[in-house]
PDBML (XML) file of the C-alpha atoms, coordinates in Angstrom:
<?xml version="1.0" encoding="UTF-8" ?>
<PDBx:datablock datablockName="MODEL"
   xmlns:PDBx="http://pdbml.pdb.org/schema/pdbx-v50.xsd"
   xmlns:xsi="http://www.w3.org/2001/XMLSchema-instance"
   xsi:schemaLocation="http://pdbml.pdb.org/schema/pdbx-v50.xsd pdbx-v50.xsd">
   <PDBx:atom_siteCategory>
      <PDBx:atom_site id="1">
         <PDBx:B_iso_or_equiv>0.00</PDBx:B_iso_or_equiv>
         <PDBx:Cartn_x>10.492</PDBx:Cartn_x>
         <PDBx:Cartn_y>56.130</PDBx:Cartn_y>
         <PDBx:Cartn_z>-12.623</PDBx:Cartn_z>
         <PDBx:auth_asym_id>A</PDBx:auth_asym_id>
         <PDBx:auth_atom_id>CA</PDBx:auth_atom_id>
         <PDBx:auth_comp_id>VAL</PDBx:auth_comp_id>
         <PDBx:auth_seq_id>1</PDBx:auth_seq_id>
         <PDBx:group_PDB>ATOM</PDBx:group_PDB>
         <PDBx:label_alt_id xsi:nil="true" />
         <PDBx:label_asym_id>A</PDBx:label_asym_id>
         <PDBx:label_atom_id>CA</PDBx:label_atom_id>
         <PDBx:label_comp_id>VAL</PDBx:label_comp_id>
         <PDBx:label_entity_id>1</PDBx:label_entity_id>
         <PDBx:label_seq_id>1</PDBx:label_seq_id>
         <PDBx:occupancy>1.00</PDBx:occupancy>
         <PDBx:pdbx_PDB_model_num>1</PDBx:pdbx_PDB_model_num>
         <PDBx:type_symbol>C</PDBx:type_symbol>
      </PDBx:atom_site>
      <PDBx:atom_site id="2">
         <PDBx:B_iso_or_equiv>0.00</PDBx:B_iso_or_equiv>
         <PDBx:Cartn_x>14.142</PDBx:Cartn_x>
         <PDBx:Cartn_y>56.413</PDBx:Cartn_y>
         <PDBx:Cartn_z>-11.628</PDBx:Cartn_z>
         <PDBx:auth_asym_id>A</PDBx:auth_asym_id>
         <PDBx:auth_atom_id>CA</PDBx:auth_atom_id>
         <PDBx:auth_comp_id>GLY</PDBx:auth_comp_id>
         <PDBx:auth_seq_id>2</PDBx:auth_seq_id>
         <PDBx:group_PDB>ATOM</PDBx:group_PDB>
         <PDBx:label_alt_id xsi:nil="true" />
         <PDBx:label_asym_id>A</PDBx:label_asym_id>
         <PDBx:label_atom_id>CA</PDBx:label_atom_id>
         <PDBx:label_comp_id>GLY</PDBx:label_comp_id>
         <PDBx:label_entity_id>1</PDBx:label_entity_id>
         <PDBx:label_seq_id>2</PDBx:label_seq_id>
         <PDBx:occupancy>1.00</PDBx:occupancy>
         <PDBx:pdbx_PDB_model_num>1</PDBx:pdbx_PDB_model_num>
         <PDBx:type_symbol>C</PDBx:type_symbol>
      </PDBx:atom_site>
      <PDBx:atom_site id="3">
         <PDBx:B_iso_or_equiv>0.00</PDBx:B_iso_or_equiv>
         <PDBx:Cartn_x>15.081</PDBx:Cartn_x>
         <PDBx:Cartn_y>54.018</PDBx:Cartn_y>
         <PDBx:Cartn_z>-14.423</PDBx:Cartn_z>
         <PDBx:auth_asym_id>A</PDBx:auth_asym_id>
         <PDBx:auth_atom_id>CA</PDBx:auth_atom_id>
         <PDBx:auth_comp_id>GLU</PDBx:auth_comp_id>
         <PDBx:auth_seq_id>3</PDBx:auth_seq_id>
         <PDBx:group_PDB>ATOM</PDBx:group_PDB>
         <PDBx:label_alt_id xsi:nil="true" />
         <PDBx:label_asym_id>A</PDBx:label_asym_id>
         <PDBx:label_atom_id>CA</PDBx:label_atom_id>
         <PDBx:label_comp_id>GLU</PDBx:label_comp_id>
         <PDBx:label_entity_id>1</PDBx:label_entity_id>
         <PDBx:label_seq_id>3</PDBx:label_seq_id>
         <PDBx:occupancy>1.00</PDBx:occupancy>
         <PDBx:pdbx_PDB_model_num>1</PDBx:pdbx_PDB_model_num>
         <PDBx:type_symbol>C</PDBx:type_symbol>
      </PDBx:atom_site>
      <PDBx:atom_site id="4">
         <PDBx:B_iso_or_equiv>0.00</PDBx:B_iso_or_equiv>
         <PDBx:Cartn_x>13.164</PDBx:Cartn_x>
         <PDBx:Cartn_y>56.098</PDBx:Cartn_y>
         <PDBx:Cartn_z>-16.999</PDBx:Cartn_z>
         <PDBx:auth_asym_id>A</PDBx:auth_asym_id>
         <PDBx:auth_atom_id>CA</PDBx:auth_atom_id>
         <PDBx:auth_comp_id>LYS</PDBx:auth_comp_id>
         <PDBx:auth_seq_id>4</PDBx:auth_seq_id>
         <PDBx:group_PDB>ATOM</PDBx:group_PDB>
         <PDBx:label_alt_id xsi:nil="true" />
         <PDBx:label_asym_id>A</PDBx:label_asym_id>
         <PDBx:label_atom_id>CA</PDBx:label_atom_id>
         <PDBx:label_comp_id>LYS</PDBx:label_comp_id>
         <PDBx:label_entity_id>1</PDBx:label_entity_id>
         <PDBx:label_seq_id>4</PDBx:label_seq_id>
         <PDBx:occupancy>1.00</PDBx:occupancy>
         <PDBx:pdbx_PDB_model_num>1</PDBx:pdbx_PDB_model_num>
         <PDBx:type_symbol>C</PDBx:type_symbol>
      </PDBx:atom_site>
      <PDBx:atom_site id="5">
         <PDBx:B_iso_or_equiv>0.00</PDBx:B_iso_or_equiv>
         <PDBx:Cartn_x>14.569</PDBx:Cartn_x>
         <PDBx:Cartn_y>59.349</PDBx:Cartn_y>
         <PDBx:Cartn_z>-15.668</PDBx:Cartn_z>
         <PDBx:auth_asym_id>A</PDBx:auth_asym_id>
         <PDBx:auth_atom_id>CA</PDBx:auth_atom_id>
         <PDBx:auth_comp_id>LEU</PDBx:auth_comp_id>
         <PDBx:auth_seq_id>5</PDBx:auth_seq_id>
         <PDBx:group_PDB>ATOM</PDBx:group_PDB>
         <PDBx:label_alt_id xsi:nil="true" />
         <PDBx:label_asym_id>A</PDBx:label_asym_id>
         <PDBx:label_atom_id>CA</PDBx:label_atom_id>
         <PDBx:label_comp_id>LEU</PDBx:label_comp_id>
         <PDBx:label_entity_id>1</PDBx:label_entity_id>
         <PDBx:label_seq_id>5</PDBx:label_seq_id>
         <PDBx:occupancy>1.00</PDBx:occupancy>
         <PDBx:pdbx_PDB_model_num>1</PDBx:pdbx_PDB_model_num>
         <PDBx:type_symbol>C</PDBx:type_symbol>
      </PDBx:atom_site>
      <PDBx:atom_site id="6">
         <PDBx:B_iso_or_equiv>0.00</PDBx:B_iso_or_equiv>
         <PDBx:Cartn_x>18.100</PDBx:Cartn_x>
         <PDBx:Cartn_y>57.928</PDBx:Cartn_y>
         <PDBx:Cartn_z>-15.963</PDBx:Cartn_z>
         <PDBx:auth_asym_id>A</PDBx:auth_asym_id>
         <PDBx:auth_atom_id>CA</PDBx:auth_atom_id>
         <PDBx:auth_comp_id>ALA</PDBx:auth_comp_id>
         <PDBx:auth_seq_id>6</PDBx:auth_seq_id>
         <PDBx:group_PDB>ATOM</PDBx:group_PDB>
         <PDBx:label_alt_id xsi:nil="true" />
         <PDBx:label_asym_id>A</PDBx:label_asym_id>
         <PDBx:label_atom_id>CA</PDBx:label_atom_id>
         <PDBx:label_comp_id>ALA</PDBx:label_comp_id>
         <PDBx:label_entity_id>1</PDBx:label_entity_id>
         <PDBx:label_seq_id>6</PDBx:label_seq_id>
         <PDBx:occupancy>1.00</PDBx:occupancy>
         <PDBx:pdbx_PDB_model_num>1</PDBx:pdbx_PDB_model_num>
         <PDBx:type_symbol>C</PDBx:type_symbol>
      </PDBx:atom_site>
      <PDBx:atom_site id="7">
         <PDBx:B_iso_or_equiv>0.00</PDBx:B_iso_or_equiv>
         <PDBx:Cartn_x>17.454</PDBx:Cartn_x>
         <PDBx:Cartn_y>57.083</PDBx:Cartn_y>
         <PDBx:Cartn_z>-19.639</PDBx:Cartn_z>
         <PDBx:auth_asym_id>A</PDBx:auth_asym_id>
         <PDBx:auth_atom_id>CA</PDBx:auth_atom_id>
         <PDBx:auth_comp_id>VAL</PDBx:auth_comp_id>
         <PDBx:auth_seq_id>7</PDBx:auth_seq_id>
         <PDBx:group_PDB>ATOM</PDBx:group_PDB>
         <PDBx:label_alt_id xsi:nil="true" />
         <PDBx:label_asym_id>A</PDBx:label_asym_id>
         <PDBx:label_atom_id>CA</PDBx:label_atom_id>
         <PDBx:label_comp_id>VAL</PDBx:label_comp_id>
         <PDBx:label_entity_id>1</PDBx:label_entity_id>
         <PDBx:label_seq_id>7</PDBx:label_seq_id>
         <PDBx:occupancy>1.00</PDBx:occupancy>
         <PDBx:pdbx_PDB_model_num>1</PDBx:pdbx_PDB_model_num>
         <PDBx:type_symbol>C</PDBx:type_symbol>
      </PDBx:atom_site>
      <PDBx:atom_site id="8">
         <PDBx:B_iso_or_equiv>0.00</PDBx:B_iso_or_equiv>
         <PDBx:Cartn_x>15.968</PDBx:Cartn_x>
         <PDBx:Cartn_y>60.419</PDBx:Cartn_y>
         <PDBx:Cartn_z>-20.663</PDBx:Cartn_z>
         <PDBx:auth_asym_id>A</PDBx:auth_asym_id>
         <PDBx:auth_atom_id>CA</PDBx:auth_atom_id>
         <PDBx:auth_comp_id>PHE</PDBx:auth_comp_id>
         <PDBx:auth_seq_id>8</PDBx:auth_seq_id>
         <PDBx:group_PDB>ATOM</PDBx:group_PDB>
         <PDBx:label_alt_id xsi:nil="true" />
         <PDBx:label_asym_id>A</PDBx:label_asym_id>
         <PDBx:label_atom_id>CA</PDBx:label_atom_id>
         <PDBx:label_comp_id>PHE</PDBx:label_comp_id>
         <PDBx:label_entity_id>1</PDBx:label_entity_id>
         <PDBx:label_seq_id>8</PDBx:label_seq_id>
         <PDBx:occupancy>1.00</PDBx:occupancy>
         <PDBx:pdbx_PDB_model_num>1</PDBx:pdbx_PDB_model_num>
         <PDBx:type_symbol>C</PDBx:type_symbol>
      </PDBx:atom_site>
      <PDBx:atom_site id="9">
         <PDBx:B_iso_or_equiv>0.00</PDBx:B_iso_or_equiv>
         <PDBx:Cartn_x>17.633</PDBx:Cartn_x>
         <PDBx:Cartn_y>62.718</PDBx:Cartn_y>
         <PDBx:Cartn_z>-18.115</PDBx:Cartn_z>
         <PDBx:auth_asym_id>A</PDBx:auth_asym_id>
         <PDBx:auth_atom_id>CA</PDBx:auth_atom_id>
         <PDBx:auth_comp_id>PHE</PDBx:auth_comp_id>
         <PDBx:auth_seq_id>9</PDBx:auth_seq_id>
         <PDBx:group_PDB>ATOM</PDBx:group_PDB>
         <PDBx:label_alt_id xsi:nil="true" />
         <PDBx:label_asym_id>A</PDBx:label_asym_id>
         <PDBx:label_atom_id>CA</PDBx:label_atom_id>
         <PDBx:label_comp_id>PHE</PDBx:label_comp_id>
         <PDBx:label_entity_id>1</PDBx:label_entity_id>
         <PDBx:label_seq_id>9</PDBx:label_seq_id>
         <PDBx:occupancy>1.00</PDBx:occupancy>
         <PDBx:pdbx_PDB_model_num>1</PDBx:pdbx_PDB_model_num>
         <PDBx:type_symbol>C</PDBx:type_symbol>
      </PDBx:atom_site>
      <PDBx:atom_site id="10">
         <PDBx:B_iso_or_equiv>0.00</PDBx:B_iso_or_equiv>
         <PDBx:Cartn_x>20.949</PDBx:Cartn_x>
         <PDBx:Cartn_y>61.107</PDBx:Cartn_y>
         <PDBx:Cartn_z>-17.161</PDBx:Cartn_z>
         <PDBx:auth_asym_id>A</PDBx:auth_asym_id>
         <PDBx:auth_atom_id>CA</PDBx:auth_atom_id>
         <PDBx:auth_comp_id>PRO</PDBx:auth_comp_id>
         <PDBx:auth_seq_id>10</PDBx:auth_seq_id>
         <PDBx:group_PDB>ATOM</PDBx:group_PDB>
         <PDBx:label_alt_id xsi:nil="true" />
         <PDBx:label_asym_id>A</PDBx:label_asym_id>
         <PDBx:label_atom_id>CA</PDBx:label_atom_id>
         <PDBx:label_comp_id>PRO</PDBx:label_comp_id>
         <PDBx:label_entity_id>1</PDBx:label_entity_id>
         <PDBx:label_seq_id>10</PDBx:label_seq_id>
         <PDBx:occupancy>1.00</PDBx:occupancy>
         <PDBx:pdbx_PDB_model_num>1</PDBx:pdbx_PDB_model_num>
         <PDBx:type_symbol>C</PDBx:type_symbol>
      </PDBx:atom_site>
      <PDBx:atom_site id="11">
         <PDBx:B_iso_or_equiv>0.00</PDBx:B_iso_or_equiv>
         <PDBx:Cartn_x>22.931</PDBx:Cartn_x>
         <PDBx:Cartn_y>62.514</PDBx:Cartn_y>
         <PDBx:Cartn_z>-14.287</PDBx:Cartn_z>
         <PDBx:auth_asym_id>A</PDBx:auth_asym_id>
         <PDBx:auth_atom_id>CA</PDBx:auth_atom_id>
         <PDBx:auth_comp_id>TRP</PDBx:auth_comp_id>
         <PDBx:auth_seq_id>11</PDBx:auth_seq_id>
         <PDBx:group_PDB>ATOM</PDBx:group_PDB>
         <PDBx:label_alt_id xsi:nil="true" />
         <PDBx:label_asym_id>A</PDBx:label_asym_id>
         <PDBx:label_atom_id>CA</PDBx:label_atom_id>
         <PDBx:label_comp_id>TRP</PDBx:label_comp_id>
         <PDBx:label_entity_id>1</PDBx:label_entity_id>
         <PDBx:label_seq_id>11</PDBx:label_seq_id>
         <PDBx:occupancy>1.00</PDBx:occupancy>
         <PDBx:pdbx_PDB_model_num>1</PDBx:pdbx_PDB_model_num>
         <PDBx:type_symbol>C</PDBx:type_symbol>
      </PDBx:atom_site>
      <PDBx:atom_site id="12">
         <PDBx:B_iso_or_equiv>0.00</PDBx:B_iso_or_equiv>
         <PDBx:Cartn_x>25.500</PDBx:Cartn_x>
         <PDBx:Cartn_y>65.127</PDBx:Cartn_y>
         <PDBx:Cartn_z>-15.251</PDBx:Cartn_z>
         <PDBx:auth_asym_id>A</PDBx:auth_asym_id>
         <PDBx:auth_atom_id>CA</PDBx:auth_atom_id>
         <PDBx:auth_comp_id>ASP</PDBx:auth_comp_id>
         <PDBx:auth_seq_id>12</PDBx:auth_seq_id>
         <PDBx:group_PDB>ATOM</PDBx:group_PDB>
         <PDBx:label_alt_id xsi:nil="true" />
         <PDBx:label_asym_id>A</PDBx:label_asym_id>
         <PDBx:label_atom_id>CA</PDBx:label_atom_id>
         <PDBx:label_comp_id>ASP</PDBx:label_comp_id>
         <PDBx:label_entity_id>1</PDBx:label_entity_id>
         <PDBx:label_seq_id>12</PDBx:label_seq_id>
         <PDBx:occupancy>1.00</PDBx:occupancy>
         <PDBx:pdbx_PDB_model_num>1</PDBx:pdbx_PDB_model_num>
         <PDBx:type_symbol>C</PDBx:type_symbol>
      </PDBx:atom_site>
      <PDBx:atom_site id="13">
         <PDBx:B_iso_or_equiv>0.00</PDBx:B_iso_or_equiv>
         <PDBx:Cartn_x>28.382</PDBx:Cartn_x>
         <PDBx:Cartn_y>66.427</PDBx:Cartn_y>
         <PDBx:Cartn_z>-13.166</PDBx:Cartn_z>
         <PDBx:auth_asym_id>A</PDBx:auth_asym_id>
         <PDBx:auth_atom_id>CA</PDBx:auth_atom_id>
         <PDBx:auth_comp_id>GLU</PDBx:auth_comp_id>
         <PDBx:auth_seq_id>13</PDBx:auth_seq_id>
         <PDBx:group_PDB>ATOM</PDBx:group_PDB>
         <PDBx:label_alt_id xsi:nil="true" />
         <PDBx:label_asym_id>A</PDBx:label_asym_id>
         <PDBx:label_atom_id>CA</PDBx:label_atom_id>
         <PDBx:label_comp_id>GLU</PDBx:label_comp_id>
         <PDBx:label_entity_id>1</PDBx:label_entity_id>
         <PDBx:label_seq_id>13</PDBx:label_seq_id>
         <PDBx:occupancy>1.00</PDBx:occupancy>
         <PDBx:pdbx_PDB_model_num>1</PDBx:pdbx_PDB_model_num>
         <PDBx:type_symbol>C</PDBx:type_symbol>
      </PDBx:atom_site>
      <PDBx:atom_site id="14">
         <PDBx:B_iso_or_equiv>0.00</PDBx:B_iso_or_equiv>
         <PDBx:Cartn_x>26.711</PDBx:Cartn_x>
         <PDBx:Cartn_y>69.857</PDBx:Cartn_y>
         <PDBx:Cartn_z>-13.113</PDBx:Cartn_z>
         <PDBx:auth_asym_id>A</PDBx:auth_asym_id>
         <PDBx:auth_atom_id>CA</PDBx:auth_atom_id>
         <PDBx:auth_comp_id>ASP</PDBx:auth_comp_id>
         <PDBx:auth_seq_id>14</PDBx:auth_seq_id>
         <PDBx:group_PDB>ATOM</PDBx:group_PDB>
         <PDBx:label_alt_id xsi:nil="true" />
         <PDBx:label_asym_id>A</PDBx:label_asym_id>
         <PDBx:label_atom_id>CA</PDBx:label_atom_id>
         <PDBx:label_comp_id>ASP</PDBx:label_comp_id>
         <PDBx:label_entity_id>1</PDBx:label_entity_id>
         <PDBx:label_seq_id>14</PDBx:label_seq_id>
         <PDBx:occupancy>1.00</PDBx:occupancy>
         <PDBx:pdbx_PDB_model_num>1</PDBx:pdbx_PDB_model_num>
         <PDBx:type_symbol>C</PDBx:type_symbol>
      </PDBx:atom_site>
      <PDBx:atom_site id="15">
         <PDBx:B_iso_or_equiv>0.00</PDBx:B_iso_or_equiv>
         <PDBx:Cartn_x>23.497</PDBx:Cartn_x>
         <PDBx:Cartn_y>68.457</PDBx:Cartn_y>
         <PDBx:Cartn_z>-11.587</PDBx:Cartn_z>
         <PDBx:auth_asym_id>A</PDBx:auth_asym_id>
         <PDBx:auth_atom_id>CA</PDBx:auth_atom_id>
         <PDBx:auth_comp_id>ASP</PDBx:auth_comp_id>
         <PDBx:auth_seq_id>15</PDBx:auth_seq_id>
         <PDBx:group_PDB>ATOM</PDBx:group_PDB>
         <PDBx:label_alt_id xsi:nil="true" />
         <PDBx:label_asym_id>A</PDBx:label_asym_id>
         <PDBx:label_atom_id>CA</PDBx:label_atom_id>
         <PDBx:label_comp_id>ASP</PDBx:label_comp_id>
         <PDBx:label_entity_id>1</PDBx:label_entity_id>
         <PDBx:label_seq_id>15</PDBx:label_seq_id>
         <PDBx:occupancy>1.00</PDBx:occupancy>
         <PDBx:pdbx_PDB_model_num>1</PDBx:pdbx_PDB_model_num>
         <PDBx:type_symbol>C</PDBx:type_symbol>
      </PDBx:atom_site>
      <PDBx:atom_site id="16">
         <PDBx:B_iso_or_equiv>0.00</PDBx:B_iso_or_equiv>
         <PDBx:Cartn_x>22.401</PDBx:Cartn_x>
         <PDBx:Cartn_y>69.571</PDBx:Cartn_y>
         <PDBx:Cartn_z>-8.146</PDBx:Cartn_z>
         <PDBx:auth_asym_id>A</PDBx:auth_asym_id>
         <PDBx:auth_atom_id>CA</PDBx:auth_atom_id>
         <PDBx:auth_comp_id>THR</PDBx:auth_comp_id>
         <PDBx:auth_seq_id>16</PDBx:auth_seq_id>
         <PDBx:group_PDB>ATOM</PDBx:group_PDB>
         <PDBx:label_alt_id xsi:nil="true" />
         <PDBx:label_asym_id>A</PDBx:label_asym_id>
         <PDBx:label_atom_id>CA</PDBx:label_atom_id>
         <PDBx:label_comp_id>THR</PDBx:label_comp_id>
         <PDBx:label_entity_id>1</PDBx:label_entity_id>
         <PDBx:label_seq_id>16</PDBx:label_seq_id>
         <PDBx:occupancy>1.00</PDBx:occupancy>
         <PDBx:pdbx_PDB_model_num>1</PDBx:pdbx_PDB_model_num>
         <PDBx:type_symbol>C</PDBx:type_symbol>
      </PDBx:atom_site>
      <PDBx:atom_site id="17">
         <PDBx:B_iso_or_equiv>0.00</PDBx:B_iso_or_equiv>
         <PDBx:Cartn_x>19.655</PDBx:Cartn_x>
         <PDBx:Cartn_y>68.175</PDBx:Cartn_y>
         <PDBx:Cartn_z>-5.948</PDBx:Cartn_z>
         <PDBx:auth_asym_id>A</PDBx:auth_asym_id>
         <PDBx:auth_atom_id>CA</PDBx:auth_atom_id>
         <PDBx:auth_comp_id>ASN</PDBx:auth_comp_id>
         <PDBx:auth_seq_id>17</PDBx:auth_seq_id>
         <PDBx:group_PDB>ATOM</PDBx:group_PDB>
         <PDBx:label_alt_id xsi:nil="true" />
         <PDBx:label_asym_id>A</PDBx:label_asym_id>
         <PDBx:label_atom_id>CA</PDBx:label_atom_id>
         <PDBx:label_comp_id>ASN</PDBx:label_comp_id>
         <PDBx:label_entity_id>1</PDBx:label_entity_id>
         <PDBx:label_seq_id>17</PDBx:label_seq_id>
         <PDBx:occupancy>1.00</PDBx:occupancy>
         <PDBx:pdbx_PDB_model_num>1</PDBx:pdbx_PDB_model_num>
         <PDBx:type_symbol>C</PDBx:type_symbol>
      </PDBx:atom_site>
      <PDBx:atom_site id="18">
         <PDBx:B_iso_or_equiv>0.00</PDBx:B_iso_or_equiv>
         <PDBx:Cartn_x>17.055</PDBx:Cartn_x>
         <PDBx:Cartn_y>70.874</PDBx:Cartn_y>
         <PDBx:Cartn_z>-6.581</PDBx:Cartn_z>
         <PDBx:auth_asym_id>A</PDBx:auth_asym_id>
         <PDBx:auth_atom_id>CA</PDBx:auth_atom_id>
         <PDBx:auth_comp_id>GLU</PDBx:auth_comp_id>
         <PDBx:auth_seq_id>18</PDBx:auth_seq_id>
         <PDBx:group_PDB>ATOM</PDBx:group_PDB>
         <PDBx:label_alt_id xsi:nil="true" />
         <PDBx:label_asym_id>A</PDBx:label_asym_id>
         <PDBx:label_atom_id>CA</PDBx:label_atom_id>
         <PDBx:label_comp_id>GLU</PDBx:label_comp_id>
         <PDBx:label_entity_id>1</PDBx:label_entity_id>
         <PDBx:label_seq_id>18</PDBx:label_seq_id>
         <PDBx:occupancy>1.00</PDBx:occupancy>
         <PDBx:pdbx_PDB_model_num>1</PDBx:pdbx_PDB_model_num>
         <PDBx:type_symbol>C</PDBx:type_symbol>
      </PDBx:atom_site>
      <PDBx:atom_site id="19">
         <PDBx:B_iso_or_equiv>0.00</PDBx:B_iso_or_equiv>
         <PDBx:Cartn_x>14.428</PDBx:Cartn_x>
         <PDBx:Cartn_y>69.642</PDBx:Cartn_y>
         <PDBx:Cartn_z>-4.097</PDBx:Cartn_z>
         <PDBx:auth_asym_id>A</PDBx:auth_asym_id>
         <PDBx:auth_atom_id>CA</PDBx:auth_atom_id>
         <PDBx:auth_comp_id>LEU</PDBx:auth_comp_id>
         <PDBx:auth_seq_id>19</PDBx:auth_seq_id>
         <PDBx:group_PDB>ATOM</PDBx:group_PDB>
         <PDBx:label_alt_id xsi:nil="true" />
         <PDBx:label_asym_id>A</PDBx:label_asym_id>
         <PDBx:label_atom_id>CA</PDBx:label_atom_id>
         <PDBx:label_comp_id>LEU</PDBx:label_comp_id>
         <PDBx:label_entity_id>1</PDBx:label_entity_id>
         <PDBx:label_seq_id>19</PDBx:label_seq_id>
         <PDBx:occupancy>1.00</PDBx:occupancy>
         <PDBx:pdbx_PDB_model_num>1</PDBx:pdbx_PDB_model_num>
         <PDBx:type_symbol>C</PDBx:type_symbol>
      </PDBx:atom_site>
      <PDBx:atom_site id="20">
         <PDBx:B_iso_or_equiv>0.00</PDBx:B_iso_or_equiv>
         <PDBx:Cartn_x>14.484</PDBx:Cartn_x>
         <PDBx:Cartn_y>67.884</PDBx:Cartn_y>
         <PDBx:Cartn_z>-0.699</PDBx:Cartn_z>
         <PDBx:auth_asym_id>A</PDBx:auth_asym_id>
         <PDBx:auth_atom_id>CA</PDBx:auth_atom_id>
         <PDBx:auth_comp_id>PRO</PDBx:auth_comp_id>
         <PDBx:auth_seq_id>20</PDBx:auth_seq_id>
         <PDBx:group_PDB>ATOM</PDBx:group_PDB>
         <PDBx:label_alt_id xsi:nil="true" />
         <PDBx:label_asym_id>A</PDBx:label_asym_id>
         <PDBx:label_atom_id>CA</PDBx:label_atom_id>
         <PDBx:label_comp_id>PRO</PDBx:label_comp_id>
         <PDBx:label_entity_id>1</PDBx:label_entity_id>
         <PDBx:label_seq_id>20</PDBx:label_seq_id>
         <PDBx:occupancy>1.00</PDBx:occupancy>
         <PDBx:pdbx_PDB_model_num>1</PDBx:pdbx_PDB_model_num>
         <PDBx:type_symbol>C</PDBx:type_symbol>
      </PDBx:atom_site>
      <PDBx:atom_site id="21">
         <PDBx:B_iso_or_equiv>0.00</PDBx:B_iso_or_equiv>
         <PDBx:Cartn_x>14.234</PDBx:Cartn_x>
         <PDBx:Cartn_y>64.079</PDBx:Cartn_y>
         <PDBx:Cartn_z>-0.642</PDBx:Cartn_z>
         <PDBx:auth_asym_id>A</PDBx:auth_asym_id>
         <PDBx:auth_atom_id>CA</PDBx:auth_atom_id>
         <PDBx:auth_comp_id>ASP</PDBx:auth_comp_id>
         <PDBx:auth_seq_id>21</PDBx:auth_seq_id>
         <PDBx:group_PDB>ATOM</PDBx:group_PDB>
         <PDBx:label_alt_id xsi:nil="true" />
         <PDBx:label_asym_id>A</PDBx:label_asym_id>
         <PDBx:label_atom_id>CA</PDBx:label_atom_id>
         <PDBx:label_comp_id>ASP</PDBx:label_comp_id>
         <PDBx:label_entity_id>1</PDBx:label_entity_id>
         <PDBx:label_seq_id>21</PDBx:label_seq_id>
         <PDBx:occupancy>1.00</PDBx:occupancy>
         <PDBx:pdbx_PDB_model_num>1</PDBx:pdbx_PDB_model_num>
         <PDBx:type_symbol>C</PDBx:type_symbol>
      </PDBx:atom_site>
      <PDBx:atom_site id="22">
         <PDBx:B_iso_or_equiv>0.00</PDBx:B_iso_or_equiv>
         <PDBx:Cartn_x>12.228</PDBx:Cartn_x>
         <PDBx:Cartn_y>63.861</PDBx:Cartn_y>
         <PDBx:Cartn_z>2.607</PDBx:Cartn_z>
         <PDBx:auth_asym_id>A</PDBx:auth_asym_id>
         <PDBx:auth_atom_id>CA</PDBx:auth_atom_id>
         <PDBx:auth_comp_id>GLN</PDBx:auth_comp_id>
         <PDBx:auth_seq_id>22</PDBx:auth_seq_id>
         <PDBx:group_PDB>ATOM</PDBx:group_PDB>
         <PDBx:label_alt_id xsi:nil="true" />
         <PDBx:label_asym_id>A</PDBx:label_asym_id>
         <PDBx:label_atom_id>CA</PDBx:label_atom_id>
         <PDBx:label_comp_id>GLN</PDBx:label_comp_id>
         <PDBx:label_entity_id>1</PDBx:label_entity_id>
         <PDBx:label_seq_id>22</PDBx:label_seq_id>
         <PDBx:occupancy>1.00</PDBx:occupancy>
         <PDBx:pdbx_PDB_model_num>1</PDBx:pdbx_PDB_model_num>
         <PDBx:type_symbol>C</PDBx:type_symbol>
      </PDBx:atom_site>
      <PDBx:atom_site id="23">
         <PDBx:B_iso_or_equiv>0.00</PDBx:B_iso_or_equiv>
         <PDBx:Cartn_x>8.652</PDBx:Cartn_x>
         <PDBx:Cartn_y>62.623</PDBx:Cartn_y>
         <PDBx:Cartn_z>2.606</PDBx:Cartn_z>
         <PDBx:auth_asym_id>A</PDBx:auth_asym_id>
         <PDBx:auth_atom_id>CA</PDBx:auth_atom_id>
         <PDBx:auth_comp_id>ILE</PDBx:auth_comp_id>
         <PDBx:auth_seq_id>23</PDBx:auth_seq_id>
         <PDBx:group_PDB>ATOM</PDBx:group_PDB>
         <PDBx:label_alt_id xsi:nil="true" />
         <PDBx:label_asym_id>A</PDBx:label_asym_id>
         <PDBx:label_atom_id>CA</PDBx:label_atom_id>
         <PDBx:label_comp_id>ILE</PDBx:label_comp_id>
         <PDBx:label_entity_id>1</PDBx:label_entity_id>
         <PDBx:label_seq_id>23</PDBx:label_seq_id>
         <PDBx:occupancy>1.00</PDBx:occupancy>
         <PDBx:pdbx_PDB_model_num>1</PDBx:pdbx_PDB_model_num>
         <PDBx:type_symbol>C</PDBx:type_symbol>
      </PDBx:atom_site>
      <PDBx:atom_site id="24">
         <PDBx:B_iso_or_equiv>0.00</PDBx:B_iso_or_equiv>
         <PDBx:Cartn_x>6.329</PDBx:Cartn_x>
         <PDBx:Cartn_y>65.587</PDBx:Cartn_y>
         <PDBx:Cartn_z>3.093</PDBx:Cartn_z>
         <PDBx:auth_asym_id>A</PDBx:auth_asym_id>
         <PDBx:auth_atom_id>CA</PDBx:auth_atom_id>
         <PDBx:auth_comp_id>THR</PDBx:auth_comp_id>
         <PDBx:auth_seq_id>24</PDBx:auth_seq_id>
         <PDBx:group_PDB>ATOM</PDBx:group_PDB>
         <PDBx:label_alt_id xsi:nil="true" />
         <PDBx:label_asym_id>A</PDBx:label_asym_id>
         <PDBx:label_atom_id>CA</PDBx:label_atom_id>
         <PDBx:label_comp_id>THR</PDBx:label_comp_id>
         <PDBx:label_entity_id>1</PDBx:label_entity_id>
         <PDBx:label_seq_id>24</PDBx:label_seq_id>
         <PDBx:occupancy>1.00</PDBx:occupancy>
         <PDBx:pdbx_PDB_model_num>1</PDBx:pdbx_PDB_model_num>
         <PDBx:type_symbol>C</PDBx:type_symbol>
      </PDBx:atom_site>
   </PDBx:atom_siteCategory>
</PDBx:datablock>
């Protein structure tokens, strides 16, 4: 899914990590 996200929603310098990465 990361590969697909990178294609359709590439990282931009304005991007912020909107949600925690921890397993809930």
